[in-house]
């Protein structure tokens, strides 16, 4: 597929137990909505030591275009999403999580928004106090978003949702400038967007579901690294490192 209208990028580290079902549901959705012939699906499979790659490969015949990107040893979600987004060719490039936490009908809404309202980026937002039942994760999310308002110059009630879509031009600007390869990469992307005056719209995902067996486990170490990354993003912004040339 040379000129897809839509690229869907899915990071799939050690997802052999659920990526098959996800791709089956996605294939049916694309066909039902008449999007199958204009959509490429890219699954990014880091070397997690399981059979994720084999499960994905078995689904190739279900799609007009299903490709895999294999970036090597696990580094972080940010590295994997960057690899997939820069390997994609769609006019709209969307990344989503492998667990189908965001219902697929939001893809249609996003495409309509790009068609009718002409944003550069659309990001999904969730009600964090509703979806995060454990207090530590609530505090990390809320504090992180408040800190990001100061660091990135952009406010969102939810910067970390794994459902974001970009025009091809916005994707090239943001992902070529991205340097954070773990959980803070979303905040860096939004900072890059803000620096380059890209228009960001937000879509409420009120039916988002917190799926079990997620890969993010809050800890003191991960929280400290998260806020260290925010400082690095802040200094890159004030030093002008994120401006496109």
Protein backbone atom coordinates (compact mmCIF):
# COMPACT_ATOMS: atom_id res chain seq x y z
CA UNK A 1 0.00 0.00 0.00
CA UNK A 2 1.78 3.13 -1.23
CA UNK A 3 -0.47 5.99 -0.09
CA UNK A 4 -2.63 4.92 2.85
CA UNK A 5 -5.11 7.37 4.28
CA UNK A 6 -4.57 6.01 7.79
CA UNK A 7 -1.70 4.35 9.60
CA UNK A 8 -2.36 2.58 12.90
CA UNK A 9 0.71 1.88 15.03
CA UNK A 10 0.53 -0.59 17.91
CA UNK A 11 3.38 -1.20 20.34
CA UNK A 12 3.40 -4.86 21.34
CA UNK A 13 6.05 -5.83 23.87
CA UNK A 14 5.34 -9.32 25.25
CA UNK A 15 1.74 -9.21 24.03
CA UNK A 16 1.39 -12.74 22.65
CA UNK A 17 -1.66 -13.42 24.85
CA UNK A 18 -3.82 -10.56 23.58
CA UNK A 19 -2.39 -9.12 20.35
CA UNK A 20 -4.12 -11.82 18.31
CA UNK A 21 -7.57 -10.90 19.59
CA UNK A 22 -6.79 -7.20 19.19
CA UNK A 23 -5.85 -7.65 15.54
CA UNK A 24 -8.89 -9.83 14.88
CA UNK A 25 -11.20 -7.14 16.31
CA UNK A 26 -9.35 -4.39 14.43
CA UNK A 27 -9.58 -6.27 11.13
CA UNK A 28 -13.35 -6.67 11.47
CA UNK A 29 -13.76 -3.01 12.45
CA UNK A 30 -11.79 -1.73 9.45
CA UNK A 31 -13.79 -3.89 7.03
CA UNK A 32 -17.13 -2.94 8.57
CA UNK A 33 -16.30 0.75 8.33
CA UNK A 34 -14.90 0.55 4.81
CA UNK A 35 -11.43 1.56 6.00
CA UNK A 36 -9.59 -1.68 5.28
CA UNK A 37 -8.34 -0.77 1.80
CA UNK A 38 -6.99 2.62 2.88
CA UNK A 39 -5.36 1.65 6.19
CA UNK A 40 -1.96 0.22 7.00
CA UNK A 41 -1.41 -1.42 10.38
CA UNK A 42 2.09 -1.46 11.87
CA UNK A 43 2.83 -3.57 14.95
CA UNK A 44 6.10 -2.77 16.70
CA UNK A 45 7.51 -5.92 18.31
CA UNK A 46 10.58 -5.47 20.49
CA UNK A 47 12.53 -8.62 21.36
CA UNK A 48 10.59 -9.69 24.44
CA UNK A 49 11.41 -13.39 24.30
CA UNK A 50 7.87 -14.58 23.55
CA UNK A 51 5.83 -15.38 20.42
CA UNK A 52 4.26 -11.96 19.82
CA UNK A 53 5.88 -11.71 16.40
CA UNK A 54 4.54 -15.12 15.37
CA UNK A 55 1.00 -14.27 16.48
CA UNK A 56 1.10 -11.02 14.50
CA UNK A 57 2.51 -12.73 11.41
CA UNK A 58 -0.36 -15.23 11.45
CA UNK A 59 -2.82 -12.32 10.96
CA UNK A 60 -1.26 -10.82 7.84
CA UNK A 61 -3.92 -12.28 5.54
CA UNK A 62 -6.65 -10.47 7.52
CA UNK A 63 -5.42 -7.02 6.43
CA UNK A 64 -4.71 -5.19 3.21
CA UNK A 65 -1.47 -4.04 4.80
CA UNK A 66 -0.06 -5.41 8.06
CA UNK A 67 3.63 -4.82 8.73
CA UNK A 68 5.89 -5.40 11.68
CA UNK A 69 8.78 -3.26 12.91
CA UNK A 70 11.38 -5.00 15.07
CA UNK A 71 13.47 -2.37 16.89
CA UNK A 72 15.57 -4.83 18.90
CA UNK A 73 15.96 -5.24 22.64
CA UNK A 74 13.33 -3.54 24.85
CA UNK A 75 14.15 0.08 25.62
CA UNK A 76 10.79 1.68 26.32
CA UNK A 77 7.37 2.39 24.88
CA UNK A 78 8.56 5.72 23.51
CA UNK A 79 11.26 4.07 21.40
CA UNK A 80 8.80 1.54 19.99
CA UNK A 81 6.11 4.08 19.11
CA UNK A 82 8.68 6.37 17.50
CA UNK A 83 9.96 3.52 15.34
CA UNK A 84 6.45 2.64 14.19
CA UNK A 85 5.31 6.18 13.52
CA UNK A 86 8.39 7.04 11.47
CA UNK A 87 7.97 3.81 9.47
CA UNK A 88 4.35 4.67 8.62
CA UNK A 89 3.12 6.47 5.50
CA UNK A 90 -0.47 7.48 6.25
CA UNK A 91 -1.95 10.94 5.80
CA UNK A 92 -3.11 10.40 9.38
CA UNK A 93 -0.89 8.40 11.75
CA UNK A 94 -2.45 7.10 14.94
CA UNK A 95 -0.88 5.09 17.74
CA UNK A 96 -2.93 3.00 20.14
CA UNK A 97 -2.34 0.41 22.85
CA UNK A 98 -2.43 -3.33 22.25
CA UNK A 99 -5.09 -3.94 24.91
CA UNK A 100 -8.00 -2.15 23.13
CA UNK A 101 -8.52 0.06 26.18
CA UNK A 102 -9.77 2.74 23.79
CA UNK A 103 -12.83 1.49 21.85
CA UNK A 104 -12.19 1.48 18.11
CA UNK A 105 -15.17 3.68 17.23
CA UNK A 106 -13.04 6.67 18.29
CA UNK A 107 -10.95 6.13 15.16
CA UNK A 108 -13.92 7.26 13.06
CA UNK A 109 -14.36 10.34 15.25
CA UNK A 110 -10.70 11.24 14.88
CA UNK A 111 -10.79 10.91 11.09
CA UNK A 112 -13.87 13.14 10.94
CA UNK A 113 -12.15 15.75 13.12
CA UNK A 114 -9.13 15.84 10.82
CA UNK A 115 -11.45 16.19 7.82
CA UNK A 116 -13.71 18.90 9.26
CA UNK A 117 -11.63 20.84 11.78
CA UNK A 118 -8.07 20.54 10.40
CA UNK A 119 -6.06 20.06 13.61
CA UNK A 120 -2.46 18.88 13.46
CA UNK A 121 -2.75 16.48 16.40
CA UNK A 122 -5.63 14.86 18.27
CA UNK A 123 -5.09 13.33 21.70
CA UNK A 124 -7.41 11.17 23.75
CA UNK A 125 -8.08 12.17 27.35
CA UNK A 126 -9.52 10.10 30.19
CA UNK A 127 -11.00 10.88 33.60
CA UNK A 128 -7.96 9.96 35.63
CA UNK A 129 -9.66 9.90 39.03
CA UNK A 130 -12.24 7.49 37.63
CA UNK A 131 -9.97 5.07 35.77
CA UNK A 132 -7.08 4.84 38.25
CA UNK A 133 -8.38 3.09 41.33
CA UNK A 134 -5.07 3.05 43.22
CA UNK A 135 -4.03 6.28 44.96
CA UNK A 136 -0.32 6.21 43.95
CA UNK A 137 -1.15 6.08 40.25
CA UNK A 138 -3.73 8.87 40.62
CA UNK A 139 -1.18 11.09 42.35
CA UNK A 140 1.55 10.37 39.79
CA UNK A 141 -0.80 11.18 36.90
CA UNK A 142 -2.24 14.35 38.40
CA UNK A 143 1.10 15.70 39.61
CA UNK A 144 2.75 14.82 36.32
CA UNK A 145 0.15 16.73 34.31
CA UNK A 146 0.45 19.80 36.54
CA UNK A 147 4.24 19.75 36.26
CA UNK A 148 3.96 19.37 32.52
CA UNK A 149 1.91 22.57 32.31
CA UNK A 150 5.00 24.41 33.59
CA UNK A 151 7.53 22.36 31.66
CA UNK A 152 5.89 22.09 28.26
CA UNK A 153 3.76 25.22 28.20
CA UNK A 154 0.69 23.14 27.37
CA UNK A 155 -2.08 21.85 29.63
CA UNK A 156 -4.01 18.66 29.22
CA UNK A 157 -5.96 16.79 31.89
CA UNK A 158 -4.36 13.61 30.56
CA UNK A 159 -1.07 13.65 28.68
CA UNK A 160 -0.35 9.92 28.96
CA UNK A 161 -3.28 8.31 27.18
CA UNK A 162 -2.07 5.83 24.57
CA UNK A 163 -4.35 7.12 21.82
CA UNK A 164 -2.90 9.98 19.77
CA UNK A 165 -3.19 10.86 16.10
CA UNK A 166 -1.05 13.13 13.91
CA UNK A 167 -1.09 14.45 10.39
CA UNK A 168 1.86 13.15 8.40
CA UNK A 169 3.62 16.53 8.68
CA UNK A 170 3.04 16.80 12.44
CA UNK A 171 4.25 13.21 12.94
CA UNK A 172 7.48 13.92 11.08
CA UNK A 173 8.12 17.06 13.12
CA UNK A 174 7.35 15.53 16.51
CA UNK A 175 8.83 12.06 16.19
CA UNK A 176 12.04 13.20 14.51
CA UNK A 177 12.61 15.54 17.46
CA UNK A 178 11.63 12.98 20.14
CA UNK A 179 14.44 11.93 22.48
CA UNK A 180 12.59 10.44 25.49
CA UNK A 181 12.24 6.72 24.92
CA UNK A 182 10.24 5.61 27.96
CA UNK A 183 7.00 6.73 29.64
CA UNK A 184 7.62 10.48 29.39
CA UNK A 185 7.66 10.48 25.59
CA UNK A 186 4.01 11.66 25.37
CA UNK A 187 4.87 14.82 27.26
CA UNK A 188 7.87 15.46 25.03
CA UNK A 189 5.74 15.07 21.90
CA UNK A 190 3.24 17.62 23.20
CA UNK A 191 6.06 20.00 24.10
CA UNK A 192 7.47 19.71 20.59
CA UNK A 193 4.00 20.36 19.20
CA UNK A 194 3.57 23.45 21.37
CA UNK A 195 6.99 24.85 20.46
CA UNK A 196 6.22 24.47 16.76
CA UNK A 197 2.72 25.96 17.13
CA UNK A 198 0.95 22.82 16.01
CA UNK A 199 -2.76 22.79 16.68
CA UNK A 200 -3.66 20.14 19.27
CA UNK A 201 -7.26 19.09 19.89
CA UNK A 202 -8.47 16.79 22.63
CA UNK A 203 -11.16 14.12 22.52
CA UNK A 204 -12.77 12.77 25.68
CA UNK A 205 -12.61 8.98 25.91
CA UNK A 206 -15.39 8.50 28.44
CA UNK A 207 -15.69 4.80 27.62
CA UNK A 208 -11.98 4.03 27.99
CA UNK A 209 -11.38 0.92 30.10
CA UNK A 210 -8.45 0.13 32.35
CA UNK A 211 -7.42 -3.32 31.17
CA UNK A 212 -5.72 -5.87 33.47
CA UNK A 213 -2.10 -6.97 33.07
CA UNK A 214 -0.82 -3.57 32.02
CA UNK A 215 2.90 -3.01 31.61
CA UNK A 216 3.11 0.16 33.72
CA UNK A 217 3.78 -0.53 37.38
CA UNK A 218 4.18 2.63 39.49
CA UNK A 219 7.26 2.68 41.70
CA UNK A 220 9.46 5.24 43.40
CA UNK A 221 12.20 4.65 40.84
CA UNK A 222 9.94 5.08 37.84
CA UNK A 223 8.40 8.22 39.36
CA UNK A 224 11.81 9.80 39.97
CA UNK A 225 12.91 8.99 36.43
CA UNK A 226 9.67 10.47 35.11
CA UNK A 227 10.29 13.81 36.80
CA UNK A 228 13.96 13.80 35.78
CA UNK A 229 12.77 13.44 32.21
CA UNK A 230 10.43 16.40 32.68
CA UNK A 231 13.41 18.55 33.67
CA UNK A 232 15.31 17.43 30.59
CA UNK A 233 12.31 18.30 28.42
CA UNK A 234 12.09 21.72 30.06
CA UNK A 235 15.75 22.55 29.39
CA UNK A 236 15.53 21.34 25.80
CA UNK A 237 12.53 23.60 25.29
CA UNK A 238 14.15 26.75 26.68
CA UNK A 239 17.33 26.02 24.73
CA UNK A 240 15.36 25.84 21.49
CA UNK A 241 16.18 22.20 20.76
CA UNK A 242 12.64 21.33 19.68
CA UNK A 243 12.15 23.92 16.95
CA UNK A 244 11.99 22.54 13.44
CA UNK A 245 14.66 23.84 11.10
